[in-house]
Amino acid sequence: MASSRGLPDTLVDELWRRAVGGIGPFSGAPAVADDALAATDDDVEAAVRRVVGAHVRLAASSGLLTSLGGAATLVVTAPAGTTGLYLLGTRLAATIAHLRGRDLADPVVRTAALVCVLGADGVELAERTGLDLVNASLLHGLRRLPPEVRAQLDTRIGFRLTSRFTRRGALNVTKLIPVVAGPIGAGADAMAMRTVATFAQAHL
């Protein structure tokens, strides 16, 4: 149960659950992928490009999370805008993985997507866990890790995300649901989303 796990693990669990399953008006990755395929005549790479462009625009203009009634509880101390940005990035990585035929229920795919969300920091964490990304792909390397070692990488990813949140200031967010709101640092957030896209397209 999430309540028996530490904050970093809970954060990773909840980001992935909401990115894949959606919540409220925020569609999950499979639905976003289906819409993109329908708009591109089932051209997978065209759909990937469409999804990337849409997520970069969202990061530049909205994507802010706020506290609303009816959403599942998530105990996280983090700025709402930062949480929204990483949820958006997680959905982008999950959507690219889904478009390319990856199983979003596969814990290895989840870990790979979250590595991509962190970009260079994620790759550094993966390499420090023992992955040789010079001679093996990220997904292949993760599959060779014992499950308990991969779980440790998930926890480290959660710690790194938590650290990023607290560097941008603290706000107690207990019930999270995405809504359209004001800009959250348009230029920097759009660049962050492009970075997620670059890593996800390369590794997923």
C-alpha atoms as a PDB file:
ATOM      1  CA  MET A   1       0.000   0.000   0.000  1.00  0.00           C
ATOM      2  CA  ALA A   2       1.150   3.524  -0.774  1.00  0.00           C
ATOM      3  CA  SER A   3       0.779   4.553   2.876  1.00  0.00           C
ATOM      4  CA  SER A   4       3.508   2.065   3.929  1.00  0.00           C
ATOM      5  CA  ARG A   5       5.966   3.406   1.357  1.00  0.00           C
ATOM      6  CA  GLY A   6       8.221   6.422   1.523  1.00  0.00           C
ATOM      7  CA  LEU A   7       7.441   9.703  -0.194  1.00  0.00           C
ATOM      8  CA  PRO A   8       9.797   9.110  -3.167  1.00  0.00           C
ATOM      9  CA  ASP A   9       8.181   5.746  -3.959  1.00  0.00           C
ATOM     10  CA  THR A  10       4.688   7.154  -3.502  1.00  0.00           C
ATOM     11  CA  LEU A  11       5.505  10.057  -5.801  1.00  0.00           C
ATOM     12  CA  VAL A  12       6.767   7.731  -8.539  1.00  0.00           C
ATOM     13  CA  ASP A  13       3.725   5.466  -8.153  1.00  0.00           C
ATOM     14  CA  GLU A  14       1.267   8.337  -8.340  1.00  0.00           C
ATOM     15  CA  LEU A  15       2.942  10.125 -11.250  1.00  0.00           C
ATOM     16  CA  TRP A  16       2.859   6.923 -13.281  1.00  0.00           C
ATOM     17  CA  ARG A  17      -0.682   5.976 -12.284  1.00  0.00           C
ATOM     18  CA  ARG A  18      -2.062   9.383 -13.246  1.00  0.00           C
ATOM     19  CA  ALA A  19       0.036   9.680 -16.402  1.00  0.00           C
ATOM     20  CA  VAL A  20      -1.225   6.316 -17.667  1.00  0.00           C
ATOM     21  CA  GLY A  21      -4.745   6.265 -16.284  1.00  0.00           C
ATOM     22  CA  GLY A  22      -5.521   9.961 -16.425  1.00  0.00           C
ATOM     23  CA  ILE A  23      -7.568  11.866 -13.890  1.00  0.00           C
ATOM     24  CA  GLY A  24     -10.480  14.233 -14.410  1.00  0.00           C
ATOM     25  CA  PRO A  25      -9.999  16.213 -17.626  1.00  0.00           C
ATOM     26  CA  PHE A  26      -6.394  14.984 -17.916  1.00  0.00           C
ATOM     27  CA  SER A  27      -6.398  12.051 -20.378  1.00  0.00           C
ATOM     28  CA  GLY A  28      -4.122   9.081 -19.814  1.00  0.00           C
ATOM     29  CA  ALA A  29      -1.312   8.109 -22.166  1.00  0.00           C
ATOM     30  CA  PRO A  30      -3.202   5.395 -24.114  1.00  0.00           C
ATOM     31  CA  ALA A  31      -6.056   7.791 -24.911  1.00  0.00           C
ATOM     32  CA  VAL A  32      -3.604  10.498 -26.010  1.00  0.00           C
ATOM     33  CA  ALA A  33      -1.805   7.955 -28.199  1.00  0.00           C
ATOM     34  CA  ASP A  34      -5.059   6.808 -29.796  1.00  0.00           C
ATOM     35  CA  ASP A  35      -6.057  10.385 -30.622  1.00  0.00           C
ATOM     36  CA  ALA A  36      -2.653  11.069 -32.153  1.00  0.00           C
ATOM     37  CA  LEU A  37      -2.805   7.922 -34.286  1.00  0.00           C
ATOM     38  CA  ALA A  38      -6.300   8.823 -35.497  1.00  0.00           C
ATOM     39  CA  ALA A  39      -5.043  12.266 -36.518  1.00  0.00           C
ATOM     40  CA  THR A  40      -2.044  10.887 -38.425  1.00  0.00           C
ATOM     41  CA  ASP A  41      -3.595   7.915 -40.259  1.00  0.00           C
ATOM     42  CA  ASP A  42      -1.879   5.460 -37.896  1.00  0.00           C
ATOM     43  CA  ASP A  43       1.612   6.755 -38.720  1.00  0.00           C
ATOM     44  CA  VAL A  44       3.398   6.003 -35.464  1.00  0.00           C
ATOM     45  CA  GLU A  45       6.315   8.411 -35.791  1.00  0.00           C
ATOM     46  CA  ALA A  46       4.047  11.193 -37.053  1.00  0.00           C
ATOM     47  CA  ALA A  47       1.872  10.531 -34.013  1.00  0.00           C
ATOM     48  CA  VAL A  48       4.949  10.746 -31.768  1.00  0.00           C
ATOM     49  CA  ARG A  49       5.843  14.128 -33.270  1.00  0.00           C
ATOM     50  CA  ARG A  50       2.266  15.335 -32.834  1.00  0.00           C
ATOM     51  CA  VAL A  51       2.224  14.283 -29.174  1.00  0.00           C
ATOM     52  CA  VAL A  52       5.577  15.956 -28.527  1.00  0.00           C
ATOM     53  CA  GLY A  53       4.383  19.217 -30.051  1.00  0.00           C
ATOM     54  CA  ALA A  54       1.154  19.159 -28.061  1.00  0.00           C
ATOM     55  CA  HIS A  55       2.962  18.523 -24.770  1.00  0.00           C
ATOM     56  CA  VAL A  56       5.527  21.264 -25.397  1.00  0.00           C
ATOM     57  CA  ARG A  57       2.686  23.712 -26.045  1.00  0.00           C
ATOM     58  CA  LEU A  58       0.892  22.598 -22.877  1.00  0.00           C
ATOM     59  CA  ALA A  59       4.058  23.045 -20.826  1.00  0.00           C
ATOM     60  CA  ALA A  60       4.495  26.540 -22.229  1.00  0.00           C
ATOM     61  CA  SER A  61       0.940  27.675 -21.593  1.00  0.00           C
ATOM     62  CA  SER A  62      -0.694  25.755 -18.774  1.00  0.00           C
ATOM     63  CA  GLY A  63      -0.349  22.303 -17.222  1.00  0.00           C
ATOM     64  CA  LEU A  64      -0.677  23.659 -13.701  1.00  0.00           C
ATOM     65  CA  LEU A  65      -2.014  21.293 -11.035  1.00  0.00           C
ATOM     66  CA  THR A  66      -4.165  22.530  -8.227  1.00  0.00           C
ATOM     67  CA  SER A  67      -6.085  21.051  -5.339  1.00  0.00           C
ATOM     68  CA  LEU A  68      -9.690  20.116  -6.132  1.00  0.00           C
ATOM     69  CA  GLY A  69     -12.220  17.952  -4.351  1.00  0.00           C
ATOM     70  CA  GLY A  70     -12.885  14.449  -5.644  1.00  0.00           C
ATOM     71  CA  ALA A  71      -9.318  13.585  -6.666  1.00  0.00           C
ATOM     72  CA  ALA A  72      -7.492  10.718  -5.024  1.00  0.00           C
ATOM     73  CA  THR A  73      -5.270  11.728  -2.140  1.00  0.00           C
ATOM     74  CA  LEU A  74      -1.573  12.110  -2.801  1.00  0.00           C
ATOM     75  CA  VAL A  75       0.560  13.414   0.045  1.00  0.00           C
ATOM     76  CA  VAL A  76       3.298  15.418  -1.628  1.00  0.00           C
ATOM     77  CA  THR A  77       5.011  18.585  -0.535  1.00  0.00           C
ATOM     78  CA  ALA A  78       5.865  20.276  -3.806  1.00  0.00           C
ATOM     79  CA  PRO A  79       4.995  23.338  -5.886  1.00  0.00           C
ATOM     80  CA  ALA A  80       1.809  22.680  -7.837  1.00  0.00           C
ATOM     81  CA  GLY A  81       3.303  23.956 -11.089  1.00  0.00           C
ATOM     82  CA  THR A  82       6.327  21.711 -10.754  1.00  0.00           C
ATOM     83  CA  THR A  83       4.130  18.709 -10.007  1.00  0.00           C
ATOM     84  CA  GLY A  84       2.054  19.508 -13.092  1.00  0.00           C
ATOM     85  CA  LEU A  85       5.148  19.784 -15.248  1.00  0.00           C
ATOM     86  CA  TYR A  86       6.458  16.372 -14.202  1.00  0.00           C
ATOM     87  CA  LEU A  87       3.060  14.745 -14.579  1.00  0.00           C
ATOM     88  CA  LEU A  88       2.908  16.153 -18.103  1.00  0.00           C
ATOM     89  CA  GLY A  89       6.439  14.897 -18.821  1.00  0.00           C
ATOM     90  CA  THR A  90       5.608  11.462 -17.451  1.00  0.00           C
ATOM     91  CA  ARG A  91       2.537  11.253 -19.680  1.00  0.00           C
ATOM     92  CA  LEU A  92       4.622  12.319 -22.676  1.00  0.00           C
ATOM     93  CA  ALA A  93       7.169   9.549 -22.064  1.00  0.00           C
ATOM     94  CA  ALA A  94       4.409   6.995 -21.427  1.00  0.00           C
ATOM     95  CA  THR A  95       2.571   8.015 -24.599  1.00  0.00           C
ATOM     96  CA  ILE A  96       5.696   7.648 -26.738  1.00  0.00           C
ATOM     97  CA  ALA A  97       6.328   4.227 -25.186  1.00  0.00           C
ATOM     98  CA  HIS A  98       2.735   3.169 -25.859  1.00  0.00           C
ATOM     99  CA  LEU A  99       2.844   4.397 -29.458  1.00  0.00           C
ATOM    100  CA  ARG A 100       5.944   2.288 -30.037  1.00  0.00           C
ATOM    101  CA  GLY A 101       4.270  -0.845 -28.729  1.00  0.00           C
ATOM    102  CA  ARG A 102       5.632  -0.912 -25.184  1.00  0.00           C
ATOM    103  CA  ASP A 103       3.489  -2.398 -22.437  1.00  0.00           C
ATOM    104  CA  LEU A 104       2.736   0.328 -19.900  1.00  0.00           C
ATOM    105  CA  ALA A 105       1.972  -2.359 -17.294  1.00  0.00           C
ATOM    106  CA  ASP A 106       5.587  -3.559 -17.555  1.00  0.00           C
ATOM    107  CA  PRO A 107       7.583  -2.181 -14.589  1.00  0.00           C
ATOM    108  CA  VAL A 108      10.698  -2.017 -16.773  1.00  0.00           C
ATOM    109  CA  VAL A 109       8.915   0.302 -19.201  1.00  0.00           C
ATOM    110  CA  ARG A 110       7.775   2.431 -16.264  1.00  0.00           C
ATOM    111  CA  THR A 111      11.325   2.787 -14.970  1.00  0.00           C
ATOM    112  CA  ALA A 112      12.659   3.614 -18.448  1.00  0.00           C
ATOM    113  CA  ALA A 113      10.016   6.286 -18.952  1.00  0.00           C
ATOM    114  CA  LEU A 114      10.788   7.875 -15.594  1.00  0.00           C
ATOM    115  CA  VAL A 115      14.505   7.890 -16.415  1.00  0.00           C
ATOM    116  CA  CYS A 116      13.582   9.857 -19.541  1.00  0.00           C
ATOM    117  CA  VAL A 117      11.533  12.321 -17.486  1.00  0.00           C
ATOM    118  CA  LEU A 118      14.691  13.178 -15.534  1.00  0.00           C
ATOM    119  CA  GLY A 119      16.762  13.433 -18.713  1.00  0.00           C
ATOM    120  CA  ALA A 120      20.520  13.482 -18.132  1.00  0.00           C
ATOM    121  CA  ASP A 121      19.975  13.116 -14.379  1.00  0.00           C
ATOM    122  CA  GLY A 122      17.965   9.957 -15.007  1.00  0.00           C
ATOM    123  CA  VAL A 123      20.633   8.482 -17.244  1.00  0.00           C
ATOM    124  CA  GLU A 124      23.247   9.263 -14.587  1.00  0.00           C
ATOM    125  CA  LEU A 125      21.166   7.464 -11.959  1.00  0.00           C
ATOM    126  CA  ALA A 126      20.728   4.474 -14.276  1.00  0.00           C
ATOM    127  CA  GLU A 127      24.463   4.268 -14.941  1.00  0.00           C
ATOM    128  CA  ARG A 128      25.244   4.549 -11.228  1.00  0.00           C
ATOM    129  CA  THR A 129      22.880   1.619 -10.680  1.00  0.00           C
ATOM    130  CA  GLY A 130      25.088  -0.460 -12.979  1.00  0.00           C
ATOM    131  CA  LEU A 131      23.658  -0.008 -16.467  1.00  0.00           C
ATOM    132  CA  ASP A 132      26.090   0.117 -19.377  1.00  0.00           C
ATOM    133  CA  LEU A 133      24.254   2.429 -21.761  1.00  0.00           C
ATOM    134  CA  VAL A 134      27.175   2.534 -24.184  1.00  0.00           C
ATOM    135  CA  ASN A 135      26.775  -1.105 -25.170  1.00  0.00           C
ATOM    136  CA  ALA A 136      23.093  -1.701 -24.387  1.00  0.00           C
ATOM    137  CA  SER A 137      19.827   0.164 -24.766  1.00  0.00           C
ATOM    138  CA  LEU A 138      18.107   1.545 -21.699  1.00  0.00           C
ATOM    139  CA  LEU A 139      15.256  -0.977 -21.891  1.00  0.00           C
ATOM    140  CA  HIS A 140      17.606  -3.916 -22.466  1.00  0.00           C
ATOM    141  CA  GLY A 141      19.860  -2.820 -19.625  1.00  0.00           C
ATOM    142  CA  LEU A 142      16.949  -2.442 -17.224  1.00  0.00           C
ATOM    143  CA  ARG A 143      15.668  -5.927 -18.083  1.00  0.00           C
ATOM    144  CA  ARG A 144      19.010  -7.362 -17.061  1.00  0.00           C
ATOM    145  CA  LEU A 145      18.827  -5.792 -13.594  1.00  0.00           C
ATOM    146  CA  PRO A 146      17.487  -7.872 -10.700  1.00  0.00           C
ATOM    147  CA  PRO A 147      14.008  -6.597  -9.756  1.00  0.00           C
ATOM    148  CA  GLU A 148      15.204  -5.392  -6.365  1.00  0.00           C
ATOM    149  CA  VAL A 149      17.970  -3.312  -7.983  1.00  0.00           C
ATOM    150  CA  ARG A 150      15.517  -1.787 -10.455  1.00  0.00           C
ATOM    151  CA  ALA A 151      13.227  -0.977  -7.517  1.00  0.00           C
ATOM    152  CA  GLN A 152      16.149   0.841  -5.895  1.00  0.00           C
ATOM    153  CA  LEU A 153      16.527   2.877  -9.096  1.00  0.00           C
ATOM    154  CA  ASP A 154      12.823   3.778  -8.913  1.00  0.00           C
ATOM    155  CA  THR A 155      13.355   5.033  -5.370  1.00  0.00           C
ATOM    156  CA  ARG A 156      16.368   7.099  -6.446  1.00  0.00           C
ATOM    157  CA  ILE A 157      14.289   8.607  -9.237  1.00  0.00           C
ATOM    158  CA  GLY A 158      11.659   9.511  -6.644  1.00  0.00           C
ATOM    159  CA  PHE A 159      14.290  11.130  -4.435  1.00  0.00           C
ATOM    160  CA  ARG A 160      15.625  13.158  -7.382  1.00  0.00           C
ATOM    161  CA  LEU A 161      12.130  14.334  -8.314  1.00  0.00           C
ATOM    162  CA  THR A 162      11.409  15.263  -4.699  1.00  0.00           C
ATOM    163  CA  SER A 163      14.672  17.191  -4.565  1.00  0.00           C
ATOM    164  CA  ARG A 164      13.749  19.112  -7.704  1.00  0.00           C
ATOM    165  CA  PHE A 165      10.353  19.961  -6.233  1.00  0.00           C
ATOM    166  CA  THR A 166      11.765  21.337  -3.000  1.00  0.00           C
ATOM    167  CA  ARG A 167      14.390  23.412  -4.834  1.00  0.00           C
ATOM    168  CA  ARG A 168      11.540  25.337  -6.444  1.00  0.00           C
ATOM    169  CA  GLY A 169       9.821  26.066  -3.121  1.00  0.00           C
ATOM    170  CA  ALA A 170       7.287  24.216  -1.018  1.00  0.00           C
ATOM    171  CA  LEU A 171       3.531  23.988  -1.343  1.00  0.00           C
ATOM    172  CA  ASN A 172       1.464  21.292   0.288  1.00  0.00           C
ATOM    173  CA  VAL A 173      -0.529  19.518  -2.431  1.00  0.00           C
ATOM    174  CA  THR A 174      -2.823  16.811  -1.102  1.00  0.00           C
ATOM    175  CA  LYS A 175      -5.408  16.328  -3.855  1.00  0.00           C
ATOM    176  CA  LEU A 176      -4.103  16.695  -7.363  1.00  0.00           C
ATOM    177  CA  ILE A 177      -6.002  17.175 -10.603  1.00  0.00           C
ATOM    178  CA  PRO A 178      -4.852  19.058 -13.719  1.00  0.00           C
ATOM    179  CA  VAL A 179      -6.709  22.166 -14.806  1.00  0.00           C
ATOM    180  CA  VAL A 180      -6.034  24.866 -17.353  1.00  0.00           C
ATOM    181  CA  ALA A 181      -4.376  27.719 -15.539  1.00  0.00           C
ATOM    182  CA  GLY A 182      -1.785  30.425 -15.999  1.00  0.00           C
ATOM    183  CA  PRO A 183       1.711  30.033 -17.447  1.00  0.00           C
ATOM    184  CA  ILE A 184       4.267  28.310 -15.216  1.00  0.00           C
ATOM    185  CA  GLY A 185       7.493  29.647 -16.604  1.00  0.00           C
ATOM    186  CA  ALA A 186       6.707  29.146 -20.271  1.00  0.00           C
ATOM    187  CA  GLY A 187      10.192  29.135 -21.773  1.00  0.00           C
ATOM    188  CA  ALA A 188      11.875  26.943 -19.191  1.00  0.00           C
ATOM    189  CA  ASP A 189       8.969  24.521 -18.991  1.00  0.00           C
ATOM    190  CA  ALA A 190       8.734  24.144 -22.773  1.00  0.00           C
ATOM    191  CA  MET A 191      12.473  23.435 -22.866  1.00  0.00           C
ATOM    192  CA  ALA A 192      12.101  20.867 -20.089  1.00  0.00           C
ATOM    193  CA  MET A 193       9.362  19.118 -22.068  1.00  0.00           C
ATOM    194  CA  ARG A 194      11.513  19.058 -25.206  1.00  0.00           C
ATOM    195  CA  THR A 195      14.264  17.439 -23.148  1.00  0.00           C
ATOM    196  CA  VAL A 196      11.874  14.709 -21.977  1.00  0.00           C
ATOM    197  CA  ALA A 197      10.836  14.195 -25.609  1.00  0.00           C
ATOM    198  CA  THR A 198      14.443  13.902 -26.765  1.00  0.00           C
ATOM    199  CA  PHE A 199      15.289  11.225 -24.213  1.00  0.00           C
ATOM    200  CA  ALA A 200      12.005   9.352 -24.666  1.00  0.00           C
ATOM    201  CA  GLN A 201      12.352   9.265 -28.446  1.00  0.00           C
ATOM    202  CA  ALA A 202      15.906   7.994 -28.117  1.00  0.00           C
ATOM    203  CA  HIS A 203      15.330   5.365 -25.421  1.00  0.00           C
ATOM    204  CA  LEU A 204      11.734   4.190 -25.758  1.00  0.00           C
END
